[in-house]
Amino acid sequence: LLREETNSKILNLFARNQKEHVFATK
């Protein structure tokens, strides 16, 4: 359970970074 929570948090952070990167390139 703990590992799944950590993975989801990492995925959320990664997705957020990707969004910001797209905004920055636009």
N, C-alpha and C. Protein backbone atom coordinates (compact mmCIF):
# COMPACT_ATOMS: atom_id res chain seq x y z
N LEU A 1 0.84 -1.20 0.00
CA LEU A 1 0.00 0.00 0.00
C LEU A 1 0.88 1.25 0.00
N LEU A 2 1.86 1.25 0.89
CA LEU A 2 2.73 2.43 0.98
C LEU A 2 3.45 2.67 -0.35
N ARG A 3 3.90 1.58 -0.97
CA ARG A 3 4.62 1.73 -2.24
C ARG A 3 3.68 2.29 -3.30
N GLU A 4 2.45 1.82 -3.31
CA GLU A 4 1.51 2.33 -4.31
C GLU A 4 1.25 3.82 -4.10
N GLU A 5 1.14 4.22 -2.84
CA GLU A 5 0.92 5.65 -2.56
C GLU A 5 2.10 6.46 -3.06
N THR A 6 3.31 5.98 -2.79
CA THR A 6 4.50 6.70 -3.23
C THR A 6 4.55 6.78 -4.75
N ASN A 7 4.22 5.66 -5.41
CA ASN A 7 4.24 5.66 -6.88
C ASN A 7 3.24 6.67 -7.43
N SER A 8 2.05 6.72 -6.84
CA SER A 8 1.03 7.66 -7.34
C SER A 8 1.51 9.09 -7.12
N LYS A 9 2.16 9.34 -5.97
CA LYS A 9 2.66 10.70 -5.71
C LYS A 9 3.72 11.07 -6.75
N ILE A 10 4.63 10.13 -7.03
CA ILE A 10 5.68 10.39 -8.02
C ILE A 10 5.06 10.63 -9.39
N LEU A 11 4.06 9.81 -9.74
CA LEU A 11 3.41 9.97 -11.04
C LEU A 11 2.72 11.33 -11.11
N ASN A 12 2.08 11.73 -10.01
CA ASN A 12 1.41 13.04 -10.00
C ASN A 12 2.42 14.16 -10.19
N LEU A 13 3.56 14.07 -9.49
CA LEU A 13 4.60 15.10 -9.63
C LEU A 13 5.12 15.11 -11.06
N PHE A 14 5.34 13.92 -11.63
CA PHE A 14 5.85 13.84 -12.99
C PHE A 14 4.86 14.47 -13.97
N ALA A 15 3.58 14.15 -13.79
CA ALA A 15 2.56 14.70 -14.68
C ALA A 15 2.52 16.22 -14.56
N ARG A 16 2.65 16.72 -13.33
CA ARG A 16 2.63 18.17 -13.12
C ARG A 16 3.83 18.81 -13.81
N ASN A 17 5.00 18.17 -13.69
CA ASN A 17 6.20 18.71 -14.33
C ASN A 17 6.03 18.72 -15.84
N GLN A 18 5.42 17.66 -16.38
CA GLN A 18 5.22 17.60 -17.82
C GLN A 18 4.30 18.73 -18.27
N LYS A 19 3.24 18.99 -17.50
CA LYS A 19 2.32 20.07 -17.85
C LYS A 19 3.06 21.40 -17.85
N GLU A 20 3.84 21.65 -16.80
CA GLU A 20 4.58 22.91 -16.71
C GLU A 20 5.57 23.02 -17.87
N HIS A 21 6.18 21.90 -18.24
CA HIS A 21 7.14 21.92 -19.34
C HIS A 21 6.43 22.30 -20.64
N VAL A 22 5.25 21.74 -20.85
CA VAL A 22 4.49 22.06 -22.06
C VAL A 22 4.14 23.54 -22.07
N PHE A 23 3.72 24.06 -20.92
CA PHE A 23 3.41 25.49 -20.83
C PHE A 23 4.65 26.33 -21.14
N ALA A 24 5.78 25.90 -20.62
CA ALA A 24 7.02 26.67 -20.81
C ALA A 24 7.42 26.68 -22.29
N THR A 25 7.24 25.54 -22.97
CA THR A 25 7.63 25.48 -24.38
C THR A 25 6.66 26.29 -25.23
N LYS A 26 5.40 26.37 -24.81
CA LYS A 26 4.42 27.18 -25.54
C LYS A 26 4.62 28.63 -25.15
